[in-house]
Amino acid sequence: AAAFHPDVALEEYVALVGLTVAMESDRPETFKGYHFGVLKSDDVNAFAAPGGFVFVTTGALRMMENEDELAGVLAHEIAHVNLRHPEDHANRAAGQAGVMGALTTGSHLVSFGLSLAGKQDAASNLASVTEGFGSVLDGFLKEIMVNGYGRDSELAADGLGVRVLCRPGVRYDPQGLKAFVARLPKKERGAWATHPQLEGRLQNIDEEIRKQGAVAPADPVRTARFRAAMAGLKGQ
């Protein structure tokens, strides 16, 4: 079963960055709010699921170099939520009722991802989240983790992600998204590396960045904050 990383402080940090982006997106509210989780996996991946869930793997976090890259990856996934790709996928999938029921239940369990409740509350929920949500991640979401939502949807999420990153209330450097995508291993298994081909994604991101004009540069303060938050991942 998929397991959540036990570092609650890391999850809180990822959630704070994600919420900074999500609250300025086209869909700042979802059915149960946004929820961010860090999954223990060496795979380089991130994905969005129905109900406003956004997950990033420890493998992806280790490959990032600064907070702007993290914001870029989360913006891409938040864009999927904005564009309702997870719901559309669920509506086409078999067993929709069971999956959505499990996700609704999970949204109560991981509400700390949005509210950033006390660490004790978050820690006490962690076992229940892993047990109750793991089967959903292993089953219904496996296809999303491997294949993404399809070429057109992935390109659309990149484009909207860049636009949201450049909004006045966010002001992250969209070059962070481009840098992360460019660094992806060519043969890495997972939606982030295979759908669509990296060259097409990079061209699409570049075009959207040009449309935005002047963008905010990466902030050394954010980078230092990122490195401090990620320190616990080293050696794991």
Protein backbone atom coordinates (compact mmCIF):
# COMPACT_ATOMS: atom_id res chain seq x y z
CA ALA A 1 0.00 0.00 0.00
CA ALA A 2 1.09 3.55 -0.60
CA ALA A 3 2.53 5.11 2.51
CA PHE A 4 2.74 8.69 3.62
CA HIS A 5 6.07 10.12 4.68
CA PRO A 6 6.14 10.39 8.50
CA ASP A 7 7.68 13.89 8.61
CA VAL A 8 4.68 16.04 9.52
CA ALA A 9 6.72 19.24 9.29
CA LEU A 10 7.60 18.38 5.70
CA GLU A 11 3.95 17.77 4.86
CA GLU A 12 3.03 21.10 6.43
CA TYR A 13 5.68 22.88 4.38
CA VAL A 14 4.49 21.28 1.14
CA ALA A 15 0.90 22.17 2.05
CA LEU A 16 1.80 25.81 2.73
CA VAL A 17 3.49 26.15 -0.66
CA GLY A 18 0.59 24.37 -2.33
CA LEU A 19 -2.05 26.50 -0.65
CA THR A 20 -0.20 29.67 -1.66
CA VAL A 21 -0.68 28.58 -5.26
CA ALA A 22 -4.14 27.02 -4.91
CA MET A 23 -5.76 30.04 -3.27
CA GLU A 24 -4.88 32.21 -6.29
CA SER A 25 -5.89 29.61 -8.86
CA ASP A 26 -9.06 29.54 -10.95
CA ARG A 27 -10.64 27.13 -8.49
CA PRO A 28 -9.55 28.22 -5.01
CA GLU A 29 -12.18 26.02 -3.39
CA THR A 30 -12.99 22.38 -4.03
CA PHE A 31 -15.61 20.06 -2.61
CA LYS A 32 -13.60 19.29 0.53
CA GLY A 33 -10.77 21.75 0.16
CA TYR A 34 -7.21 21.12 -1.02
CA HIS A 35 -5.17 18.40 0.65
CA PHE A 36 -1.47 17.82 0.13
CA GLY A 37 0.39 14.62 0.92
CA VAL A 38 3.98 13.40 0.62
CA LEU A 39 4.29 9.76 -0.43
CA LYS A 40 7.29 7.61 0.42
CA SER A 41 8.48 6.49 -3.00
CA ASP A 42 11.70 6.68 -4.98
CA ASP A 43 9.66 7.27 -8.14
CA VAL A 44 9.82 10.82 -9.42
CA ASN A 45 6.16 11.70 -9.56
CA ALA A 46 3.33 13.97 -8.51
CA PHE A 47 -0.36 13.66 -9.26
CA ALA A 48 -3.79 15.05 -8.50
CA ALA A 49 -6.79 12.97 -7.48
CA PRO A 50 -10.53 13.72 -7.21
CA GLY A 51 -11.52 15.80 -4.20
CA GLY A 52 -8.65 18.30 -4.33
CA PHE A 53 -5.95 15.82 -3.33
CA VAL A 54 -2.43 16.57 -4.53
CA PHE A 55 0.43 14.16 -3.88
CA VAL A 56 4.16 14.44 -4.44
CA THR A 57 6.70 11.66 -3.92
CA THR A 58 9.87 11.90 -1.86
CA GLY A 59 11.71 10.94 -5.06
CA ALA A 60 10.40 14.09 -6.75
CA LEU A 61 11.22 16.26 -3.73
CA ARG A 62 14.80 15.01 -3.68
CA MET A 63 15.20 15.98 -7.33
CA MET A 64 14.02 19.56 -6.75
CA GLU A 65 16.53 22.32 -6.11
CA ASN A 66 14.40 25.12 -4.68
CA GLU A 67 10.93 26.18 -3.55
CA ASP A 68 10.09 27.61 -6.97
CA GLU A 69 10.42 24.13 -8.47
CA LEU A 70 8.17 22.70 -5.78
CA ALA A 71 5.63 25.46 -6.43
CA GLY A 72 5.82 24.71 -10.15
CA VAL A 73 5.14 21.01 -9.70
CA LEU A 74 2.25 21.72 -7.30
CA ALA A 75 0.89 24.39 -9.67
CA HIS A 76 0.76 21.79 -12.45
CA GLU A 77 -1.24 19.43 -10.24
CA ILE A 78 -3.49 22.23 -8.94
CA ALA A 79 -4.14 23.13 -12.57
CA HIS A 80 -5.39 19.57 -13.11
CA VAL A 81 -7.83 20.17 -10.22
CA ASN A 82 -8.85 23.54 -11.72
CA LEU A 83 -9.50 21.88 -15.07
CA ARG A 84 -11.44 19.04 -13.40
CA HIS A 85 -9.28 16.36 -14.97
CA PRO A 86 -9.46 14.08 -11.88
CA GLU A 87 -13.25 14.21 -11.78
CA ASP A 88 -13.52 13.62 -15.51
CA HIS A 89 -11.25 10.62 -15.17
CA ALA A 90 -13.26 9.25 -12.25
CA ASN A 91 -16.52 9.69 -14.14
CA ARG A 92 -15.15 7.53 -16.95
CA ALA A 93 -13.70 4.89 -14.66
CA ALA A 94 -15.42 1.76 -13.45
CA GLY A 95 -16.36 1.61 -9.79
CA GLN A 96 -16.82 5.36 -9.57
CA ALA A 97 -19.09 5.26 -6.52
CA GLY A 98 -16.70 3.20 -4.42
CA VAL A 99 -13.69 5.30 -5.35
CA MET A 100 -15.37 8.61 -4.71
CA GLY A 101 -16.69 7.31 -1.40
CA ALA A 102 -13.19 6.37 -0.32
CA LEU A 103 -11.86 9.75 -1.38
CA THR A 104 -14.61 11.54 0.52
CA THR A 105 -13.76 9.55 3.63
CA GLY A 106 -10.09 10.29 3.11
CA SER A 107 -10.79 14.00 2.83
CA HIS A 108 -11.92 14.01 6.46
CA LEU A 109 -8.82 12.14 7.55
CA VAL A 110 -6.29 14.38 5.86
CA SER A 111 -8.02 17.67 6.51
CA PHE A 112 -4.80 18.75 8.22
CA GLY A 113 -3.41 19.23 4.74
CA LEU A 114 -5.66 22.25 4.37
CA SER A 115 -6.13 23.45 7.92
CA LEU A 116 -2.58 22.72 9.06
CA ALA A 117 -3.94 21.69 12.43
CA GLY A 118 -1.55 20.90 15.25
CA LYS A 119 1.15 18.35 14.59
CA GLN A 120 -0.37 16.03 17.16
CA ASP A 121 -3.67 15.94 15.26
CA ALA A 122 -1.86 15.34 11.99
CA ALA A 123 0.27 12.56 13.43
CA SER A 124 -2.71 10.84 15.02
CA ASN A 125 -4.49 10.77 11.67
CA LEU A 126 -1.50 9.49 9.73
CA ALA A 127 -2.04 5.76 10.39
CA SER A 128 -5.72 6.01 9.48
CA VAL A 129 -4.93 7.94 6.32
CA THR A 130 -2.37 5.39 5.17
CA GLU A 131 -4.65 2.44 5.92
CA GLY A 132 -7.84 3.92 4.51
CA PHE A 133 -6.38 5.64 1.49
CA GLY A 134 -3.61 3.25 0.46
CA SER A 135 -5.88 0.84 -1.40
CA VAL A 136 -7.31 3.70 -3.44
CA LEU A 137 -3.85 4.93 -4.39
CA ASP A 138 -2.74 1.42 -5.32
CA GLY A 139 -5.83 0.72 -7.39
CA PHE A 140 -7.72 3.54 -9.05
CA LEU A 141 -4.83 6.02 -9.07
CA LYS A 142 -2.19 3.66 -10.42
CA GLU A 143 -3.07 4.53 -13.98
CA ILE A 144 -2.88 8.25 -13.24
CA MET A 145 0.51 7.86 -11.57
CA VAL A 146 1.89 6.03 -14.60
CA ASN A 147 0.07 7.62 -17.53
CA GLY A 148 -1.14 10.99 -16.34
CA TYR A 149 -4.33 12.39 -17.81
CA GLY A 150 -3.24 12.28 -21.44
CA ARG A 151 -1.12 14.57 -23.60
CA ASP A 152 -3.62 17.41 -24.09
CA SER A 153 -4.51 17.50 -20.40
CA GLU A 154 -0.87 17.51 -19.29
CA LEU A 155 -0.01 20.36 -21.66
CA ALA A 156 -3.05 22.30 -20.48
CA ALA A 157 -1.99 21.80 -16.86
CA ASP A 158 1.50 23.09 -17.65
CA GLY A 159 0.06 26.19 -19.31
CA LEU A 160 -2.41 27.04 -16.57
CA GLY A 161 0.21 26.21 -13.95
CA VAL A 162 2.57 28.81 -15.40
CA ARG A 163 -0.18 31.43 -15.48
CA VAL A 164 -1.13 30.84 -11.85
CA LEU A 165 2.53 30.96 -10.75
CA CYS A 166 2.84 34.43 -12.28
CA ARG A 167 -0.22 35.93 -10.58
CA PRO A 168 0.40 38.80 -8.14
CA GLY A 169 -0.69 36.79 -5.12
CA VAL A 170 1.72 33.96 -5.94
CA ARG A 171 4.79 35.36 -7.71
CA TYR A 172 6.83 32.20 -8.03
CA ASP A 173 9.33 31.86 -10.85
CA PRO A 174 7.74 29.68 -13.57
CA GLN A 175 11.22 28.78 -14.73
CA GLY A 176 11.21 26.44 -11.73
CA LEU A 177 8.60 24.24 -13.43
CA LYS A 178 10.64 24.23 -16.63
CA ALA A 179 13.85 23.36 -14.75
CA PHE A 180 12.21 20.42 -13.01
CA VAL A 181 10.69 19.05 -16.21
CA ALA A 182 14.03 19.44 -18.04
CA ARG A 183 15.79 17.46 -15.31
CA LEU A 184 13.44 14.48 -15.49
CA PRO A 185 15.17 11.21 -16.39
CA LYS A 186 14.28 10.34 -19.96
CA LYS A 187 13.33 6.76 -19.06
CA GLU A 188 11.73 7.49 -15.70
CA ARG A 189 8.47 5.61 -15.28
CA GLY A 190 5.69 7.96 -14.36
CA ALA A 191 3.39 10.58 -15.81
CA TRP A 192 5.85 13.40 -15.29
CA ALA A 193 8.40 11.86 -17.65
CA THR A 194 6.35 10.07 -20.27
CA HIS A 195 3.18 12.04 -21.06
CA PRO A 196 3.70 14.00 -23.18
CA GLN A 197 7.30 13.85 -24.38
CA LEU A 198 9.57 16.21 -22.47
CA GLU A 199 10.56 18.26 -25.52
CA GLY A 200 6.95 19.11 -26.24
CA ARG A 201 6.32 20.05 -22.63
CA LEU A 202 9.35 22.31 -22.46
CA GLN A 203 8.33 24.15 -25.65
CA ASN A 204 4.80 24.57 -24.31
CA ILE A 205 6.06 25.92 -20.96
CA ASP A 206 8.49 28.29 -22.68
CA GLU A 207 5.70 29.70 -24.85
CA GLU A 208 3.46 30.31 -21.85
CA ILE A 209 6.28 31.99 -19.90
CA ARG A 210 6.93 34.34 -22.84
CA LYS A 211 3.26 35.32 -22.85
CA GLN A 212 3.48 36.29 -19.19
CA GLY A 213 6.29 38.79 -19.79
CA ALA A 214 8.30 39.77 -16.71
CA VAL A 215 8.28 37.14 -13.99
CA ALA A 216 9.54 37.04 -10.42
CA PRO A 217 13.06 35.64 -10.01
CA ALA A 218 13.79 32.82 -7.62
CA ASP A 219 14.12 34.13 -4.06
CA PRO A 220 17.19 33.07 -2.00
CA VAL A 221 15.08 33.21 1.16
CA ARG A 222 12.64 30.69 -0.32
CA THR A 223 15.52 28.49 -1.43
CA ALA A 224 17.00 28.45 2.07
CA ARG A 225 13.57 27.61 3.49
CA PHE A 226 13.23 24.78 0.99
CA ARG A 227 16.61 23.29 1.86
CA ALA A 228 15.81 23.38 5.57
CA ALA A 229 12.48 21.62 5.01
CA MET A 230 14.08 18.96 2.80
CA ALA A 231 17.04 18.27 5.10
CA GLY A 232 15.24 15.31 6.69
CA LEU A 233 14.98 13.50 3.34
CA LYS A 234 18.74 13.14 2.97
CA GLY A 235 20.01 9.65 3.49
CA GLN A 236 16.52 8.13 3.43
